[in-house]
Amino acid sequence: QVQLVESGGGLVQPGGSLRLSCVTSGFTFRKCRMYWFRQAPGKGLEWVSYITTGGNLYYQDSVKGRFTISRDNDKNTVYLQMNALKSEDTAVYYCVKDNPSGPRGKGTLVTVSS
């Protein structure tokens, strides 16, 4: 059974940092592309970043230079380091397996506010 469990969200002031984690199980993690998506209040699901099986990294323009995606194949975990956070980064963040329509976790809430 495919499982993805996100953690690491919370309340942070503008300019602050958070590191999200997504622990996975039930599939061969190292063979899968992994995504981070987010959904802001009242808005649709938005792609943030993804990492390929070969370690290539891709980012939405609004987070380039601030967010860093990484993976640990030994721990079956994907991370999202978020720096210089802005109020518009407030959202529930989800990790997604394989493609934008793939299985995802329940999400972790990130709130950026002073």
C-alpha atoms as a PDB file:
ATOM      1  CA  GLN A   1       0.000   0.000   0.000  1.00  0.00           C
ATOM      2  CA  VAL A   2       1.426   3.331  -1.105  1.00  0.00           C
ATOM      3  CA  GLN A   3       1.787   5.780   1.761  1.00  0.00           C
ATOM      4  CA  LEU A   4       3.156   9.323   1.842  1.00  0.00           C
ATOM      5  CA  VAL A   5       3.313  11.246   5.101  1.00  0.00           C
ATOM      6  CA  GLU A   6       4.276  14.908   5.116  1.00  0.00           C
ATOM      7  CA  SER A   7       5.541  16.787   8.158  1.00  0.00           C
ATOM      8  CA  GLY A   8       7.434  19.897   9.116  1.00  0.00           C
ATOM      9  CA  GLY A   9       4.823  22.557   8.540  1.00  0.00           C
ATOM     10  CA  GLY A  10       3.961  25.268  11.014  1.00  0.00           C
ATOM     11  CA  LEU A  11       3.709  28.973  11.654  1.00  0.00           C
ATOM     12  CA  VAL A  12       6.698  31.062  10.614  1.00  0.00           C
ATOM     13  CA  GLN A  13       7.336  34.767  10.198  1.00  0.00           C
ATOM     14  CA  PRO A  14       8.042  36.277   6.791  1.00  0.00           C
ATOM     15  CA  GLY A  15      11.681  35.717   5.917  1.00  0.00           C
ATOM     16  CA  GLY A  16      11.847  32.563   7.997  1.00  0.00           C
ATOM     17  CA  SER A  17      12.604  28.990   7.032  1.00  0.00           C
ATOM     18  CA  LEU A  18      11.010  25.575   7.281  1.00  0.00           C
ATOM     19  CA  ARG A  19      12.018  22.119   6.146  1.00  0.00           C
ATOM     20  CA  LEU A  20       9.274  19.790   5.012  1.00  0.00           C
ATOM     21  CA  SER A  21       9.708  16.029   4.928  1.00  0.00           C
ATOM     22  CA  CYS A  22       7.709  13.332   3.196  1.00  0.00           C
ATOM     23  CA  VAL A  23       8.307   9.782   4.341  1.00  0.00           C
ATOM     24  CA  THR A  24       7.090   7.173   1.893  1.00  0.00           C
ATOM     25  CA  SER A  25       6.449   3.447   1.851  1.00  0.00           C
ATOM     26  CA  GLY A  26       4.797   0.787  -0.251  1.00  0.00           C
ATOM     27  CA  PHE A  27       6.693   1.387  -3.488  1.00  0.00           C
ATOM     28  CA  THR A  28      10.245   1.540  -4.882  1.00  0.00           C
ATOM     29  CA  PHE A  29      11.036   5.129  -3.964  1.00  0.00           C
ATOM     30  CA  ARG A  30      14.316   5.398  -5.872  1.00  0.00           C
ATOM     31  CA  LYS A  31      12.525   4.607  -9.137  1.00  0.00           C
ATOM     32  CA  CYS A  32       9.967   7.396  -8.769  1.00  0.00           C
ATOM     33  CA  ARG A  33       9.919  11.073  -9.599  1.00  0.00           C
ATOM     34  CA  MET A  34       8.696  12.997  -6.579  1.00  0.00           C
ATOM     35  CA  TYR A  35       6.781  16.263  -6.530  1.00  0.00           C
ATOM     36  CA  TRP A  36       5.807  18.915  -4.039  1.00  0.00           C
ATOM     37  CA  PHE A  37       2.502  20.647  -4.655  1.00  0.00           C
ATOM     38  CA  ARG A  38       0.679  23.210  -2.570  1.00  0.00           C
ATOM     39  CA  GLN A  39      -2.829  24.544  -2.183  1.00  0.00           C
ATOM     40  CA  ALA A  40      -3.374  28.010  -0.789  1.00  0.00           C
ATOM     41  CA  PRO A  41      -6.656  28.915   0.930  1.00  0.00           C
ATOM     42  CA  GLY A  42      -9.397  29.269  -1.669  1.00  0.00           C
ATOM     43  CA  LYS A  43      -7.106  28.348  -4.569  1.00  0.00           C
ATOM     44  CA  GLY A  44      -6.351  25.316  -6.677  1.00  0.00           C
ATOM     45  CA  LEU A  45      -3.511  22.846  -6.434  1.00  0.00           C
ATOM     46  CA  GLU A  46      -0.223  24.336  -7.627  1.00  0.00           C
ATOM     47  CA  TRP A  47       2.996  22.613  -8.634  1.00  0.00           C
ATOM     48  CA  VAL A  48       6.008  23.786  -6.594  1.00  0.00           C
ATOM     49  CA  SER A  49       8.943  21.537  -7.397  1.00  0.00           C
ATOM     50  CA  TYR A  50       9.984  18.074  -8.453  1.00  0.00           C
ATOM     51  CA  ILE A  51      13.037  15.855  -8.409  1.00  0.00           C
ATOM     52  CA  THR A  52      13.734  13.117 -10.922  1.00  0.00           C
ATOM     53  CA  THR A  53      15.182   9.694 -10.236  1.00  0.00           C
ATOM     54  CA  GLY A  54      18.504  10.995 -11.495  1.00  0.00           C
ATOM     55  CA  GLY A  55      18.448  13.957  -9.139  1.00  0.00           C
ATOM     56  CA  ASN A  56      17.492  16.687 -11.611  1.00  0.00           C
ATOM     57  CA  LEU A  57      15.642  19.531  -9.908  1.00  0.00           C
ATOM     58  CA  TYR A  58      12.798  21.701 -11.188  1.00  0.00           C
ATOM     59  CA  TYR A  59      11.058  24.655  -9.555  1.00  0.00           C
ATOM     60  CA  GLN A  60       8.129  26.943 -10.141  1.00  0.00           C
ATOM     61  CA  ASP A  61       9.416  30.439 -10.902  1.00  0.00           C
ATOM     62  CA  SER A  62       7.977  31.936  -7.716  1.00  0.00           C
ATOM     63  CA  VAL A  63      10.104  29.691  -5.485  1.00  0.00           C
ATOM     64  CA  LYS A  64      13.355  29.552  -7.463  1.00  0.00           C
ATOM     65  CA  GLY A  65      16.303  30.578  -5.348  1.00  0.00           C
ATOM     66  CA  ARG A  66      14.312  30.169  -2.133  1.00  0.00           C
ATOM     67  CA  PHE A  67      13.230  26.516  -2.062  1.00  0.00           C
ATOM     68  CA  THR A  68      15.390  23.418  -2.455  1.00  0.00           C
ATOM     69  CA  ILE A  69      14.064  19.943  -3.081  1.00  0.00           C
ATOM     70  CA  SER A  70      16.125  16.874  -2.229  1.00  0.00           C
ATOM     71  CA  ARG A  71      15.700  13.165  -1.692  1.00  0.00           C
ATOM     72  CA  ASP A  72      17.250  10.413   0.401  1.00  0.00           C
ATOM     73  CA  ASN A  73      16.705   7.093  -1.328  1.00  0.00           C
ATOM     74  CA  ASP A  74      17.992   5.175   1.686  1.00  0.00           C
ATOM     75  CA  LYS A  75      15.288   6.744   3.860  1.00  0.00           C
ATOM     76  CA  ASN A  76      12.563   6.780   1.166  1.00  0.00           C
ATOM     77  CA  THR A  77      12.110  10.444   1.945  1.00  0.00           C
ATOM     78  CA  VAL A  78      11.800  13.645  -0.060  1.00  0.00           C
ATOM     79  CA  TYR A  79      12.444  17.062   1.465  1.00  0.00           C
ATOM     80  CA  LEU A  80      11.611  20.657   0.707  1.00  0.00           C
ATOM     81  CA  GLN A  81      13.837  23.280   2.312  1.00  0.00           C
ATOM     82  CA  MET A  82      12.010  26.593   2.228  1.00  0.00           C
ATOM     83  CA  ASN A  83      13.888  29.813   2.932  1.00  0.00           C
ATOM     84  CA  ALA A  84      12.945  33.482   2.730  1.00  0.00           C
ATOM     85  CA  LEU A  85       9.311  32.558   3.156  1.00  0.00           C
ATOM     86  CA  LYS A  86       6.619  34.998   2.072  1.00  0.00           C
ATOM     87  CA  SER A  87       2.988  35.340   3.037  1.00  0.00           C
ATOM     88  CA  GLU A  88       2.019  34.037  -0.395  1.00  0.00           C
ATOM     89  CA  ASP A  89       3.742  30.739   0.426  1.00  0.00           C
ATOM     90  CA  THR A  90       0.989  30.023   2.952  1.00  0.00           C
ATOM     91  CA  ALA A  91      -0.627  26.760   1.865  1.00  0.00           C
ATOM     92  CA  VAL A  92      -1.048  23.089   2.562  1.00  0.00           C
ATOM     93  CA  TYR A  93       1.943  21.326   1.042  1.00  0.00           C
ATOM     94  CA  TYR A  94       1.665  17.833  -0.414  1.00  0.00           C
ATOM     95  CA  CYS A  95       4.204  15.382  -1.733  1.00  0.00           C
ATOM     96  CA  VAL A  96       3.071  13.490  -4.803  1.00  0.00           C
ATOM     97  CA  LYS A  97       4.426  10.320  -6.374  1.00  0.00           C
ATOM     98  CA  ASP A  98       5.317   9.904 -10.033  1.00  0.00           C
ATOM     99  CA  ASN A  99       3.197  12.567 -11.742  1.00  0.00           C
ATOM    100  CA  PRO A 100       0.845  15.428 -10.854  1.00  0.00           C
ATOM    101  CA  SER A 101      -2.107  13.039 -10.664  1.00  0.00           C
ATOM    102  CA  GLY A 102      -0.279  10.450  -8.597  1.00  0.00           C
ATOM    103  CA  PRO A 103      -0.838   9.386  -5.020  1.00  0.00           C
ATOM    104  CA  ARG A 104      -0.260  12.053  -2.409  1.00  0.00           C
ATOM    105  CA  GLY A 105      -0.260  12.447   1.331  1.00  0.00           C
ATOM    106  CA  LYS A 106      -2.635  14.379   3.561  1.00  0.00           C
ATOM    107  CA  GLY A 107      -0.416  17.418   3.507  1.00  0.00           C
ATOM    108  CA  THR A 108       1.231  19.701   6.030  1.00  0.00           C
ATOM    109  CA  LEU A 109       0.114  23.273   6.658  1.00  0.00           C
ATOM    110  CA  VAL A 110       2.588  26.113   6.261  1.00  0.00           C
ATOM    111  CA  THR A 111       1.474  29.508   7.531  1.00  0.00           C
ATOM    112  CA  VAL A 112       3.674  32.531   6.921  1.00  0.00           C
ATOM    113  CA  SER A 113       2.511  35.440   9.016  1.00  0.00           C
ATOM    114  CA  SER A 114       3.804  38.059  11.416  1.00  0.00           C
END
